[in-house]
Amino acid sequence: MGMEEYMQIYVEEAGQHLKTLQDLSLLAQKPDDSETIKKIFRACHTLKSSSAAMGFDRIAEIARKCETLFGRYKDSGKIDADKLLDIAKVFGAIKILVEHANESAQYDTNEFLEILKKLGVGDA
């Protein structure tokens, strides 16, 4: 299988996980929805792993920090609802980076890393 085929698989699978990240809006109404938290955690985990495997380090780094954040929410059983807007900004960045994965190394992600740091996962 060539790199082009791997890329096609990555884009398809990442698209599914990006749709799962959109479930964040459900947590605004029900911040203790443990199933949604677990789904988002798994999506972040898979995005981290698949992005790292493809060499998309910036995507993998942000997804790893989101995985850590949602791991904490998974353990506590609820999300901090007052942090949803910041999390949505980071998820938006992941979406853009995935859509432009081949150029993702050129994107400045410092703003989103700072948001993650503010959320408590800066060094995660």
PDB file of N, CA and C in Angstrom:
ATOM      1  N   MET A   1       0.859  -1.166   0.000  1.00  0.00           N
ATOM      2  CA  MET A   1       0.000   0.000   0.000  1.00  0.00           C
ATOM      3  C   MET A   1       0.911   1.235   0.000  1.00  0.00           C
ATOM      4  N   GLY A   2       0.603   2.188  -0.865  1.00  0.00           N
ATOM      5  CA  GLY A   2       1.395   3.398  -0.980  1.00  0.00           C
ATOM      6  C   GLY A   2       0.945   4.482  -0.023  1.00  0.00           C
ATOM      7  N   MET A   3       1.757   5.503   0.078  1.00  0.00           N
ATOM      8  CA  MET A   3       1.466   6.612   1.001  1.00  0.00           C
ATOM      9  C   MET A   3       0.143   7.296   0.667  1.00  0.00           C
ATOM     10  N   GLU A   4      -0.157   7.395  -0.604  1.00  0.00           N
ATOM     11  CA  GLU A   4      -1.421   8.019  -1.017  1.00  0.00           C
ATOM     12  C   GLU A   4      -2.618   7.250  -0.463  1.00  0.00           C
ATOM     13  N   GLU A   5      -2.525   5.930  -0.476  1.00  0.00           N
ATOM     14  CA  GLU A   5      -3.614   5.107   0.051  1.00  0.00           C
ATOM     15  C   GLU A   5      -3.730   5.252   1.575  1.00  0.00           C
ATOM     16  N   TYR A   6      -2.586   5.303   2.247  1.00  0.00           N
ATOM     17  CA  TYR A   6      -2.606   5.524   3.696  1.00  0.00           C
ATOM     18  C   TYR A   6      -3.235   6.872   4.028  1.00  0.00           C
ATOM     19  N   MET A   7      -2.896   7.857   3.225  1.00  0.00           N
ATOM     20  CA  MET A   7      -3.433   9.197   3.445  1.00  0.00           C
ATOM     21  C   MET A   7      -4.953   9.202   3.282  1.00  0.00           C
ATOM     22  N   GLN A   8      -5.437   8.498   2.287  1.00  0.00           N
ATOM     23  CA  GLN A   8      -6.876   8.417   2.058  1.00  0.00           C
ATOM     24  C   GLN A   8      -7.568   7.768   3.264  1.00  0.00           C
ATOM     25  N   ILE A   9      -6.983   6.705   3.791  1.00  0.00           N
ATOM     26  CA  ILE A   9      -7.546   6.031   4.965  1.00  0.00           C
ATOM     27  C   ILE A   9      -7.516   6.970   6.168  1.00  0.00           C
ATOM     28  N   TYR A  10      -6.398   7.660   6.337  1.00  0.00           N
ATOM     29  CA  TYR A  10      -6.268   8.603   7.456  1.00  0.00           C
ATOM     30  C   TYR A  10      -7.363   9.667   7.391  1.00  0.00           C
ATOM     31  N   VAL A  11      -7.547  10.273   6.238  1.00  0.00           N
ATOM     32  CA  VAL A  11      -8.538  11.342   6.081  1.00  0.00           C
ATOM     33  C   VAL A  11      -9.952  10.820   6.371  1.00  0.00           C
ATOM     34  N   GLU A  12     -10.267   9.631   5.881  1.00  0.00           N
ATOM     35  CA  GLU A  12     -11.597   9.057   6.109  1.00  0.00           C
ATOM     36  C   GLU A  12     -11.826   8.790   7.593  1.00  0.00           C
ATOM     37  N   GLU A  13     -10.845   8.142   8.226  1.00  0.00           N
ATOM     38  CA  GLU A  13     -10.998   7.811   9.640  1.00  0.00           C
ATOM     39  C   GLU A  13     -10.990   9.067  10.509  1.00  0.00           C
ATOM     40  N   ALA A  14     -10.116  10.002  10.196  1.00  0.00           N
ATOM     41  CA  ALA A  14     -10.054  11.242  10.968  1.00  0.00           C
ATOM     42  C   ALA A  14     -11.371  11.996  10.855  1.00  0.00           C
ATOM     43  N   GLY A  15     -11.992  11.964   9.683  1.00  0.00           N
ATOM     44  CA  GLY A  15     -13.286  12.619   9.493  1.00  0.00           C
ATOM     45  C   GLY A  15     -14.340  12.070  10.440  1.00  0.00           C
ATOM     46  N   GLN A  16     -14.314  10.764  10.652  1.00  0.00           N
ATOM     47  CA  GLN A  16     -15.265  10.152  11.586  1.00  0.00           C
ATOM     48  C   GLN A  16     -15.007  10.638  13.010  1.00  0.00           C
ATOM     49  N   HIS A  17     -13.740  10.750  13.374  1.00  0.00           N
ATOM     50  CA  HIS A  17     -13.405  11.193  14.728  1.00  0.00           C
ATOM     51  C   HIS A  17     -13.700  12.676  14.915  1.00  0.00           C
ATOM     52  N   LEU A  18     -13.540  13.453  13.850  1.00  0.00           N
ATOM     53  CA  LEU A  18     -13.898  14.870  13.929  1.00  0.00           C
ATOM     54  C   LEU A  18     -15.392  15.033  14.181  1.00  0.00           C
ATOM     55  N   LYS A  19     -16.201  14.167  13.583  1.00  0.00           N
ATOM     56  CA  LYS A  19     -17.648  14.211  13.833  1.00  0.00           C
ATOM     57  C   LYS A  19     -17.944  13.922  15.297  1.00  0.00           C
ATOM     58  N   THR A  20     -17.191  12.989  15.877  1.00  0.00           N
ATOM     59  CA  THR A  20     -17.373  12.674  17.297  1.00  0.00           C
ATOM     60  C   THR A  20     -17.025  13.878  18.161  1.00  0.00           C
ATOM     61  N   LEU A  21     -15.977  14.618  17.782  1.00  0.00           N
ATOM     62  CA  LEU A  21     -15.603  15.805  18.562  1.00  0.00           C
ATOM     63  C   LEU A  21     -16.724  16.841  18.578  1.00  0.00           C
ATOM     64  N   GLN A  22     -17.559  16.830  17.543  1.00  0.00           N
ATOM     65  CA  GLN A  22     -18.692  17.761  17.492  1.00  0.00           C
ATOM     66  C   GLN A  22     -19.719  17.461  18.583  1.00  0.00           C
ATOM     67  N   ASP A  23     -19.656  16.259  19.152  1.00  0.00           N
ATOM     68  CA  ASP A  23     -20.560  15.909  20.248  1.00  0.00           C
ATOM     69  C   ASP A  23     -20.293  16.736  21.503  1.00  0.00           C
ATOM     70  N   LEU A  24     -19.219  17.529  21.482  1.00  0.00           N
ATOM     71  CA  LEU A  24     -18.917  18.413  22.595  1.00  0.00           C
ATOM     72  C   LEU A  24     -20.125  19.272  22.944  1.00  0.00           C
ATOM     73  N   SER A  25     -20.877  19.662  21.934  1.00  0.00           N
ATOM     74  CA  SER A  25     -22.051  20.521  22.170  1.00  0.00           C
ATOM     75  C   SER A  25     -23.080  19.830  23.062  1.00  0.00           C
ATOM     76  N   LEU A  26     -23.137  18.507  23.038  1.00  0.00           N
ATOM     77  CA  LEU A  26     -24.077  17.779  23.896  1.00  0.00           C
ATOM     78  C   LEU A  26     -23.733  17.969  25.369  1.00  0.00           C
ATOM     79  N   LEU A  27     -22.449  18.186  25.643  1.00  0.00           N
ATOM     80  CA  LEU A  27     -22.016  18.328  27.034  1.00  0.00           C
ATOM     81  C   LEU A  27     -22.402  19.680  27.630  1.00  0.00           C
ATOM     82  N   ALA A  28     -22.773  20.626  26.786  1.00  0.00           N
ATOM     83  CA  ALA A  28     -23.248  21.911  27.301  1.00  0.00           C
ATOM     84  C   ALA A  28     -24.564  21.712  28.054  1.00  0.00           C
ATOM     85  N   GLN A  29     -25.387  20.818  27.563  1.00  0.00           N
ATOM     86  CA  GLN A  29     -26.674  20.534  28.191  1.00  0.00           C
ATOM     87  C   GLN A  29     -26.549  19.532  29.331  1.00  0.00           C
ATOM     88  N   LYS A  30     -25.595  18.610  29.173  1.00  0.00           N
ATOM     89  CA  LYS A  30     -25.457  17.536  30.164  1.00  0.00           C
ATOM     90  C   LYS A  30     -23.970  17.260  30.401  1.00  0.00           C
ATOM     91  N   PRO A  31     -23.313  18.069  31.250  1.00  0.00           N
ATOM     92  CA  PRO A  31     -21.867  17.938  31.454  1.00  0.00           C
ATOM     93  C   PRO A  31     -21.429  16.636  32.117  1.00  0.00           C
ATOM     94  N   ASP A  32     -22.383  15.872  32.643  1.00  0.00           N
ATOM     95  CA  ASP A  32     -22.028  14.596  33.272  1.00  0.00           C
ATOM     96  C   ASP A  32     -22.385  13.399  32.379  1.00  0.00           C
ATOM     97  N   ASP A  33     -22.520  13.640  31.084  1.00  0.00           N
ATOM     98  CA  ASP A  33     -22.821  12.564  30.130  1.00  0.00           C
ATOM     99  C   ASP A  33     -21.550  11.742  29.906  1.00  0.00           C
ATOM    100  N   SER A  34     -21.369  10.726  30.728  1.00  0.00           N
ATOM    101  CA  SER A  34     -20.117   9.959  30.701  1.00  0.00           C
ATOM    102  C   SER A  34     -19.901   9.239  29.373  1.00  0.00           C
ATOM    103  N   GLU A  35     -20.952   8.833  28.714  1.00  0.00           N
ATOM    104  CA  GLU A  35     -20.783   8.147  27.419  1.00  0.00           C
ATOM    105  C   GLU A  35     -20.209   9.092  26.364  1.00  0.00           C
ATOM    106  N   THR A  36     -20.705  10.311  26.330  1.00  0.00           N
ATOM    107  CA  THR A  36     -20.174  11.295  25.373  1.00  0.00           C
ATOM    108  C   THR A  36     -18.729  11.633  25.724  1.00  0.00           C
ATOM    109  N   ILE A  37     -18.434  11.792  26.992  1.00  0.00           N
ATOM    110  CA  ILE A  37     -17.054  12.072  27.412  1.00  0.00           C
ATOM    111  C   ILE A  37     -16.133  10.937  26.965  1.00  0.00           C
ATOM    112  N   LYS A  38     -16.559   9.699  27.162  1.00  0.00           N
ATOM    113  CA  LYS A  38     -15.748   8.537  26.759  1.00  0.00           C
ATOM    114  C   LYS A  38     -15.560   8.492  25.245  1.00  0.00           C
ATOM    115  N   LYS A  39     -16.628   8.794  24.496  1.00  0.00           N
ATOM    116  CA  LYS A  39     -16.518   8.804  23.021  1.00  0.00           C
ATOM    117  C   LYS A  39     -15.506   9.848  22.562  1.00  0.00           C
ATOM    118  N   ILE A  40     -15.556  11.031  23.150  1.00  0.00           N
ATOM    119  CA  ILE A  40     -14.618  12.092  22.769  1.00  0.00           C
ATOM    120  C   ILE A  40     -13.200  11.708  23.180  1.00  0.00           C
ATOM    121  N   PHE A  41     -13.044  11.114  24.349  1.00  0.00           N
ATOM    122  CA  PHE A  41     -11.737  10.636  24.796  1.00  0.00           C
ATOM    123  C   PHE A  41     -11.154   9.657  23.770  1.00  0.00           C
ATOM    124  N   ARG A  42     -11.962   8.676  23.352  1.00  0.00           N
ATOM    125  CA  ARG A  42     -11.487   7.675  22.380  1.00  0.00           C
ATOM    126  C   ARG A  42     -11.156   8.319  21.037  1.00  0.00           C
ATOM    127  N   ALA A  43     -11.952   9.292  20.615  1.00  0.00           N
ATOM    128  CA  ALA A  43     -11.681   9.986  19.353  1.00  0.00           C
ATOM    129  C   ALA A  43     -10.348  10.727  19.428  1.00  0.00           C
ATOM    130  N   CYS A  44     -10.094  11.397  20.544  1.00  0.00           N
ATOM    131  CA  CYS A  44      -8.820  12.103  20.729  1.00  0.00           C
ATOM    132  C   CYS A  44      -7.661  11.117  20.718  1.00  0.00           C
ATOM    133  N   HIS A  45      -7.847   9.986  21.390  1.00  0.00           N
ATOM    134  CA  HIS A  45      -6.805   8.959  21.445  1.00  0.00           C
ATOM    135  C   HIS A  45      -6.463   8.449  20.043  1.00  0.00           C
ATOM    136  N   THR A  46      -7.488   8.150  19.283  1.00  0.00           N
ATOM    137  CA  THR A  46      -7.259   7.607  17.941  1.00  0.00           C
ATOM    138  C   THR A  46      -6.667   8.658  17.009  1.00  0.00           C
ATOM    139  N   LEU A  47      -7.141   9.898  17.103  1.00  0.00           N
ATOM    140  CA  LEU A  47      -6.547  10.977  16.300  1.00  0.00           C
ATOM    141  C   LEU A  47      -5.076  11.156  16.647  1.00  0.00           C
ATOM    142  N   LYS A  48      -4.750  11.083  17.921  1.00  0.00           N
ATOM    143  CA  LYS A  48      -3.359  11.195  18.360  1.00  0.00           C
ATOM    144  C   LYS A  48      -2.511  10.095  17.724  1.00  0.00           C
ATOM    145  N   SER A  49      -2.974   8.866  17.853  1.00  0.00           N
ATOM    146  CA  SER A  49      -2.203   7.724  17.367  1.00  0.00           C
ATOM    147  C   SER A  49      -2.058   7.710  15.853  1.00  0.00           C
ATOM    148  N   SER A  50      -3.152   7.923  15.155  1.00  0.00           N
ATOM    149  CA  SER A  50      -3.095   7.865  13.691  1.00  0.00           C
ATOM    150  C   SER A  50      -2.308   9.043  13.129  1.00  0.00           C
ATOM    151  N   SER A  51      -2.426  10.202  13.749  1.00  0.00           N
ATOM    152  CA  SER A  51      -1.667  11.370  13.287  1.00  0.00           C
ATOM    153  C   SER A  51      -0.174  11.157  13.514  1.00  0.00           C
ATOM    154  N   ALA A  52       0.179  10.606  14.664  1.00  0.00           N
ATOM    155  CA  ALA A  52       1.590  10.325  14.942  1.00  0.00           C
ATOM    156  C   ALA A  52       2.133   9.305  13.942  1.00  0.00           C
ATOM    157  N   ALA A  53       1.342   8.283  13.638  1.00  0.00           N
ATOM    158  CA  ALA A  53       1.777   7.264  12.686  1.00  0.00           C
ATOM    159  C   ALA A  53       2.015   7.845  11.294  1.00  0.00           C
ATOM    160  N   MET A  54       1.241   8.871  10.944  1.00  0.00           N
ATOM    161  CA  MET A  54       1.383   9.505   9.636  1.00  0.00           C
ATOM    162  C   MET A  54       2.446  10.607   9.636  1.00  0.00           C
ATOM    163  N   GLY A  55       2.997  10.912  10.817  1.00  0.00           N
ATOM    164  CA  GLY A  55       4.016  11.949  10.907  1.00  0.00           C
ATOM    165  C   GLY A  55       3.462  13.358  11.047  1.00  0.00           C
ATOM    166  N   PHE A  56       2.196  13.482  11.401  1.00  0.00           N
ATOM    167  CA  PHE A  56       1.564  14.785  11.597  1.00  0.00           C
ATOM    168  C   PHE A  56       1.697  15.160  13.071  1.00  0.00           C
ATOM    169  N   ASP A  57       2.885  15.598  13.428  1.00  0.00           N
ATOM    170  CA  ASP A  57       3.242  15.794  14.833  1.00  0.00           C
ATOM    171  C   ASP A  57       2.428  16.868  15.527  1.00  0.00           C
ATOM    172  N   ARG A  58       2.107  17.940  14.835  1.00  0.00           N
ATOM    173  CA  ARG A  58       1.333  19.013  15.483  1.00  0.00           C
ATOM    174  C   ARG A  58      -0.078  18.540  15.820  1.00  0.00           C
ATOM    175  N   ILE A  59      -0.670  17.793  14.915  1.00  0.00           N
ATOM    176  CA  ILE A  59      -2.007  17.247  15.186  1.00  0.00           C
ATOM    177  C   ILE A  59      -1.920  16.277  16.355  1.00  0.00           C
ATOM    178  N   ALA A  60      -0.917  15.412  16.325  1.00  0.00           N
ATOM    179  CA  ALA A  60      -0.753  14.414  17.381  1.00  0.00           C
ATOM    180  C   ALA A  60      -0.541  15.076  18.740  1.00  0.00           C
ATOM    181  N   GLU A  61       0.236  16.149  18.776  1.00  0.00           N
ATOM    182  CA  GLU A  61       0.505  16.838  20.041  1.00  0.00           C
ATOM    183  C   GLU A  61      -0.775  17.424  20.638  1.00  0.00           C
ATOM    184  N   ILE A  62      -1.544  18.106  19.822  1.00  0.00           N
ATOM    185  CA  ILE A  62      -2.784  18.703  20.326  1.00  0.00           C
ATOM    186  C   ILE A  62      -3.778  17.608  20.717  1.00  0.00           C
ATOM    187  N   ALA A  63      -3.894  16.582  19.901  1.00  0.00           N
ATOM    188  CA  ALA A  63      -4.818  15.486  20.211  1.00  0.00           C
ATOM    189  C   ALA A  63      -4.394  14.769  21.496  1.00  0.00           C
ATOM    190  N   ARG A  64      -3.094  14.632  21.731  1.00  0.00           N
ATOM    191  CA  ARG A  64      -2.595  13.983  22.959  1.00  0.00           C
ATOM    192  C   ARG A  64      -3.011  14.790  24.186  1.00  0.00           C
ATOM    193  N   LYS A  65      -2.902  16.091  24.099  1.00  0.00           N
ATOM    194  CA  LYS A  65      -3.281  16.946  25.224  1.00  0.00           C
ATOM    195  C   LYS A  65      -4.804  16.906  25.439  1.00  0.00           C
ATOM    196  N   CYS A  66      -5.556  16.840  24.357  1.00  0.00           N
ATOM    197  CA  CYS A  66      -7.014  16.708  24.478  1.00  0.00           C
ATOM    198  C   CYS A  66      -7.379  15.349  25.075  1.00  0.00           C
ATOM    199  N   GLU A  67      -6.645  14.321  24.688  1.00  0.00           N
ATOM    200  CA  GLU A  67      -6.864  12.995  25.259  1.00  0.00           C
ATOM    201  C   GLU A  67      -6.634  13.037  26.781  1.00  0.00           C
ATOM    202  N   THR A  68      -5.560  13.691  27.192  1.00  0.00           N
ATOM    203  CA  THR A  68      -5.263  13.814  28.622  1.00  0.00           C
ATOM    204  C   THR A  68      -6.384  14.563  29.347  1.00  0.00           C
ATOM    205  N   LEU A  69      -6.830  15.658  28.747  1.00  0.00           N
ATOM    206  CA  LEU A  69      -7.910  16.442  29.335  1.00  0.00           C
ATOM    207  C   LEU A  69      -9.177  15.605  29.493  1.00  0.00           C
ATOM    208  N   PHE A  70      -9.550  14.904  28.423  1.00  0.00           N
ATOM    209  CA  PHE A  70     -10.773  14.103  28.493  1.00  0.00           C
ATOM    210  C   PHE A  70     -10.592  12.848  29.338  1.00  0.00           C
ATOM    211  N   GLY A  71      -9.366  12.398  29.505  1.00  0.00           N
ATOM    212  CA  GLY A  71      -9.104  11.318  30.456  1.00  0.00           C
ATOM    213  C   GLY A  71      -9.438  11.768  31.874  1.00  0.00           C
ATOM    214  N   ARG A  72      -9.097  13.013  32.175  1.00  0.00           N
ATOM    215  CA  ARG A  72      -9.430  13.569  33.486  1.00  0.00           C
ATOM    216  C   ARG A  72     -10.949  13.698  33.653  1.00  0.00           C
ATOM    217  N   TYR A  73     -11.598  14.177  32.594  1.00  0.00           N
ATOM    218  CA  TYR A  73     -13.061  14.294  32.662  1.00  0.00           C
ATOM    219  C   TYR A  73     -13.708  12.917  32.776  1.00  0.00           C
ATOM    220  N   LYS A  74     -13.149  11.955  32.084  1.00  0.00           N
ATOM    221  CA  LYS A  74     -13.671  10.588  32.146  1.00  0.00           C
ATOM    222  C   LYS A  74     -13.555  10.056  33.577  1.00  0.00           C
ATOM    223  N   ASP A  75     -12.419  10.315  34.206  1.00  0.00           N
ATOM    224  CA  ASP A  75     -12.201   9.840  35.574  1.00  0.00           C
ATOM    225  C   ASP A  75     -13.121  10.541  36.579  1.00  0.00           C
ATOM    226  N   SER A  76     -13.376  11.829  36.349  1.00  0.00           N
ATOM    227  CA  SER A  76     -14.225  12.581  37.290  1.00  0.00           C
ATOM    228  C   SER A  76     -15.714  12.385  37.005  1.00  0.00           C
ATOM    229  N   GLY A  77     -16.035  11.953  35.789  1.00  0.00           N
ATOM    230  CA  GLY A  77     -17.431  11.707  35.439  1.00  0.00           C
ATOM    231  C   GLY A  77     -18.180  12.910  34.901  1.00  0.00           C
ATOM    232  N   LYS A  78     -17.489  14.051  34.774  1.00  0.00           N
ATOM    233  CA  LYS A  78     -18.158  15.211  34.190  1.00  0.00           C
ATOM    234  C   LYS A  78     -17.111  16.190  33.656  1.00  0.00           C
ATOM    235  N   ILE A  79     -17.597  17.067  32.790  1.00  0.00           N
ATOM    236  CA  ILE A  79     -16.742  18.072  32.174  1.00  0.00           C
ATOM    237  C   ILE A  79     -16.979  19.412  32.857  1.00  0.00           C
ATOM    238  N   ASP A  80     -15.976  20.248  32.870  1.00  0.00           N
ATOM    239  CA  ASP A  80     -16.144  21.611  33.370  1.00  0.00           C
ATOM    240  C   ASP A  80     -16.846  22.414  32.276  1.00  0.00           C
ATOM    241  N   ALA A  81     -18.129  22.641  32.453  1.00  0.00           N
ATOM    242  CA  ALA A  81     -18.936  23.287  31.416  1.00  0.00           C
ATOM    243  C   ALA A  81     -18.433  24.684  31.066  1.00  0.00           C
ATOM    244  N   ASP A  82     -17.793  25.362  32.023  1.00  0.00           N
ATOM    245  CA  ASP A  82     -17.304  26.706  31.740  1.00  0.00           C
ATOM    246  C   ASP A  82     -16.080  26.708  30.823  1.00  0.00           C
ATOM    247  N   LYS A  83     -15.570  25.529  30.509  1.00  0.00           N
ATOM    248  CA  LYS A  83     -14.395  25.422  29.637  1.00  0.00           C
ATOM    249  C   LYS A  83     -14.749  24.960  28.226  1.00  0.00           C
ATOM    250  N   LEU A  84     -16.032  24.800  27.967  1.00  0.00           N
ATOM    251  CA  LEU A  84     -16.458  24.270  26.665  1.00  0.00           C
ATOM    252  C   LEU A  84     -16.039  25.154  25.498  1.00  0.00           C
ATOM    253  N   LEU A  85     -16.103  26.453  25.652  1.00  0.00           N
ATOM    254  CA  LEU A  85     -15.741  27.350  24.555  1.00  0.00           C
ATOM    255  C   LEU A  85     -14.262  27.195  24.198  1.00  0.00           C
ATOM    256  N   ASP A  86     -13.406  27.127  25.201  1.00  0.00           N
ATOM    257  CA  ASP A  86     -11.982  26.930  24.930  1.00  0.00           C
ATOM    258  C   ASP A  86     -11.729  25.580  24.261  1.00  0.00           C
ATOM    259  N   ILE A  87     -12.406  24.561  24.742  1.00  0.00           N
ATOM    260  CA  ILE A  87     -12.240  23.231  24.148  1.00  0.00           C
ATOM    261  C   ILE A  87     -12.729  23.249  22.701  1.00  0.00           C
ATOM    262  N   ALA A  88     -13.833  23.931  22.445  1.00  0.00           N
ATOM    263  CA  ALA A  88     -14.358  24.024  21.074  1.00  0.00           C
ATOM    264  C   ALA A  88     -13.352  24.701  20.146  1.00  0.00           C
ATOM    265  N   LYS A  89     -12.651  25.716  20.631  1.00  0.00           N
ATOM    266  CA  LYS A  89     -11.620  26.374  19.816  1.00  0.00           C
ATOM    267  C   LYS A  89     -10.513  25.397  19.447  1.00  0.00           C
ATOM    268  N   VAL A  90     -10.096  24.600  20.420  1.00  0.00           N
ATOM    269  CA  VAL A  90      -9.028  23.613  20.161  1.00  0.00           C
ATOM    270  C   VAL A  90      -9.518  22.553  19.180  1.00  0.00           C
ATOM    271  N   PHE A  91     -10.742  22.079  19.356  1.00  0.00           N
ATOM    272  CA  PHE A  91     -11.290  21.090  18.427  1.00  0.00           C
ATOM    273  C   PHE A  91     -11.399  21.675  17.016  1.00  0.00           C
ATOM    274  N   GLY A  92     -11.724  22.960  16.914  1.00  0.00           N
ATOM    275  CA  GLY A  92     -11.762  23.624  15.613  1.00  0.00           C
ATOM    276  C   GLY A  92     -10.389  23.635  14.965  1.00  0.00           C
ATOM    277  N   ALA A  93      -9.360  23.856  15.773  1.00  0.00           N
ATOM    278  CA  ALA A  93      -7.991  23.831  15.249  1.00  0.00           C
ATOM    279  C   ALA A  93      -7.626  22.438  14.751  1.00  0.00           C
ATOM    280  N   ILE A  94      -8.018  21.415  15.504  1.00  0.00           N
ATOM    281  CA  ILE A  94      -7.741  20.039  15.069  1.00  0.00           C
ATOM    282  C   ILE A  94      -8.395  19.785  13.723  1.00  0.00           C
ATOM    283  N   LYS A  95      -9.628  20.236  13.572  1.00  0.00           N
ATOM    284  CA  LYS A  95     -10.351  20.038  12.307  1.00  0.00           C
ATOM    285  C   LYS A  95      -9.598  20.683  11.144  1.00  0.00           C
ATOM    286  N   ILE A  96      -9.159  21.912  11.320  1.00  0.00           N
ATOM    287  CA  ILE A  96      -8.418  22.603  10.259  1.00  0.00           C
ATOM    288  C   ILE A  96      -7.108  21.892   9.960  1.00  0.00           C
ATOM    289  N   LEU A  97      -6.403  21.489  10.999  1.00  0.00           N
ATOM    290  CA  LEU A  97      -5.130  20.795  10.799  1.00  0.00           C
ATOM    291  C   LEU A  97      -5.325  19.471  10.058  1.00  0.00           C
ATOM    292  N   VAL A  98      -6.357  18.738  10.422  1.00  0.00           N
ATOM    293  CA  VAL A  98      -6.619  17.454   9.743  1.00  0.00           C
ATOM    294  C   VAL A  98      -6.991  17.701   8.282  1.00  0.00           C
ATOM    295  N   GLU A  99      -7.824  18.704   8.040  1.00  0.00           N
ATOM    296  CA  GLU A  99      -8.230  19.005   6.660  1.00  0.00           C
ATOM    297  C   GLU A  99      -7.047  19.421   5.795  1.00  0.00           C
ATOM    298  N   HIS A 100      -5.999  19.917   6.419  1.00  0.00           N
ATOM    299  CA  HIS A 100      -4.790  20.346   5.707  1.00  0.00           C
ATOM    300  C   HIS A 100      -3.581  19.600   6.267  1.00  0.00           C
ATOM    301  N   ALA A 101      -3.764  18.301   6.489  1.00  0.00           N
ATOM    302  CA  ALA A 101      -2.758  17.504   7.193  1.00  0.00           C
ATOM    303  C   ALA A 101      -1.373  17.587   6.558  1.00  0.00           C
ATOM    304  N   ASN A 102      -1.305  17.544   5.241  1.00  0.00           N
ATOM    305  CA  ASN A 102       0.008  17.570   4.590  1.00  0.00           C
ATOM    306  C   ASN A 102       0.752  18.878   4.825  1.00  0.00           C
ATOM    307  N   GLU A 103       0.032  19.934   5.126  1.00  0.00           N
ATOM    308  CA  GLU A 103       0.651  21.229   5.404  1.00  0.00           C
ATOM    309  C   GLU A 103       0.605  21.575   6.896  1.00  0.00           C
ATOM    310  N   SER A 104       0.171  20.649   7.742  1.00  0.00           N
ATOM    311  CA  SER A 104      -0.072  20.955   9.155  1.00  0.00           C
ATOM    312  C   SER A 104       1.189  21.421   9.889  1.00  0.00           C
ATOM    313  N   ALA A 105       2.352  21.005   9.447  1.00  0.00           N
ATOM    314  CA  ALA A 105       3.595  21.423  10.101  1.00  0.00           C
ATOM    315  C   ALA A 105       3.837  22.919   9.938  1.00  0.00           C
ATOM    316  N   GLN A 106       3.199  23.519   8.940  1.00  0.00           N
ATOM    317  CA  GLN A 106       3.394  24.944   8.674  1.00  0.00           C
ATOM    318  C   GLN A 106       2.495  25.835   9.527  1.00  0.00           C
ATOM    319  N   TYR A 107       1.484  25.257  10.155  1.00  0.00           N
ATOM    320  CA  TYR A 107       0.528  26.041  10.936  1.00  0.00           C
ATOM    321  C   TYR A 107       1.108  26.380  12.302  1.00  0.00           C
ATOM    322  N   ASP A 108       0.855  27.592  12.760  1.00  0.00           N
ATOM    323  CA  ASP A 108       1.263  28.017  14.095  1.00  0.00           C
ATOM    324  C   ASP A 108       0.173  27.569  15.065  1.00  0.00           C
ATOM    325  N   THR A 109       0.509  26.656  15.935  1.00  0.00           N
ATOM    326  CA  THR A 109      -0.471  26.110  16.874  1.00  0.00           C
ATOM    327  C   THR A 109      -0.290  26.657  18.291  1.00  0.00           C
ATOM    328  N   ASN A 110       0.567  27.646  18.455  1.00  0.00           N
ATOM    329  CA  ASN A 110       0.858  28.162  19.793  1.00  0.00           C
ATOM    330  C   ASN A 110      -0.390  28.660  20.525  1.00  0.00           C
ATOM    331  N   GLU A 111      -1.284  29.323  19.794  1.00  0.00           N
ATOM    332  CA  GLU A 111      -2.511  29.816  20.436  1.00  0.00           C
ATOM    333  C   GLU A 111      -3.293  28.677  21.083  1.00  0.00           C
ATOM    334  N   PHE A 112      -3.371  27.551  20.394  1.00  0.00           N
ATOM    335  CA  PHE A 112      -4.156  26.419  20.879  1.00  0.00           C
ATOM    336  C   PHE A 112      -3.421  25.671  21.981  1.00  0.00           C
ATOM    337  N   LEU A 113      -2.093  25.650  21.904  1.00  0.00           N
ATOM    338  CA  LEU A 113      -1.308  25.060  22.982  1.00  0.00           C
ATOM    339  C   LEU A 113      -1.435  25.897  24.254  1.00  0.00           C
ATOM    340  N   GLU A 114      -1.537  27.211  24.093  1.00  0.00           N
ATOM    341  CA  GLU A 114      -1.750  28.090  25.251  1.00  0.00           C
ATOM    342  C   GLU A 114      -3.124  27.854  25.874  1.00  0.00           C
ATOM    343  N   ILE A 115      -4.122  27.648  25.035  1.00  0.00           N
ATOM    344  CA  ILE A 115      -5.470  27.343  25.560  1.00  0.00           C
ATOM    345  C   ILE A 115      -5.409  26.042  26.362  1.00  0.00           C
ATOM    346  N   LEU A 116      -4.734  25.048  25.808  1.00  0.00           N
ATOM    347  CA  LEU A 116      -4.621  23.767  26.505  1.00  0.00           C
ATOM    348  C   LEU A 116      -3.860  23.913  27.813  1.00  0.00           C
ATOM    349  N   LYS A 117      -2.860  24.767  27.797  1.00  0.00           N
ATOM    350  CA  LYS A 117      -2.108  25.027  29.033  1.00  0.00           C
ATOM    351  C   LYS A 117      -3.036  25.643  30.079  1.00  0.00           C
ATOM    352  N   LYS A 118      -3.877  26.580  29.643  1.00  0.00           N
ATOM    353  CA  LYS A 118      -4.853  27.219  30.532  1.00  0.00           C
ATOM    354  C   LYS A 118      -5.848  26.183  31.077  1.00  0.00           C
ATOM    355  N   LEU A 119      -6.131  25.169  30.264  1.00  0.00           N
ATOM    356  CA  LEU A 119      -7.048  24.101  30.687  1.00  0.00           C
ATOM    357  C   LEU A 119      -6.364  23.075  31.589  1.00  0.00           C
ATOM    358  N   GLY A 120      -5.064  23.246  31.790  1.00  0.00           N
ATOM    359  CA  GLY A 120      -4.351  22.382  32.721  1.00  0.00           C
ATOM    360  C   GLY A 120      -3.610  21.220  32.109  1.00  0.00           C
ATOM    361  N   VAL A 121      -3.458  21.223  30.793  1.00  0.00           N
ATOM    362  CA  VAL A 121      -2.738  20.117  30.133  1.00  0.00           C
ATOM    363  C   VAL A 121      -1.593  20.632  29.262  1.00  0.00           C
ATOM    364  N   GLY A 122      -0.984  21.714  29.676  1.00  0.00           N
ATOM    365  CA  GLY A 122       0.097  22.303  28.895  1.00  0.00           C
ATOM    366  C   GLY A 122       1.305  21.413  28.778  1.00  0.00           C
ATOM    367  N   ASP A 123       1.606  20.664  29.831  1.00  0.00           N
ATOM    368  CA  ASP A 123       2.779  19.800  29.817  1.00  0.00           C
ATOM    369  C   ASP A 123       2.421  18.340  29.687  1.00  0.00           C
ATOM    370  N   ALA A 124       1.181  18.068  29.371  1.00  0.00           N
ATOM    371  CA  ALA A 124       0.715  16.672  29.291  1.00  0.00           C
ATOM    372  C   ALA A 124       1.337  15.955  28.113  1.00  0.00           C
TER     373      ALA A 124
END
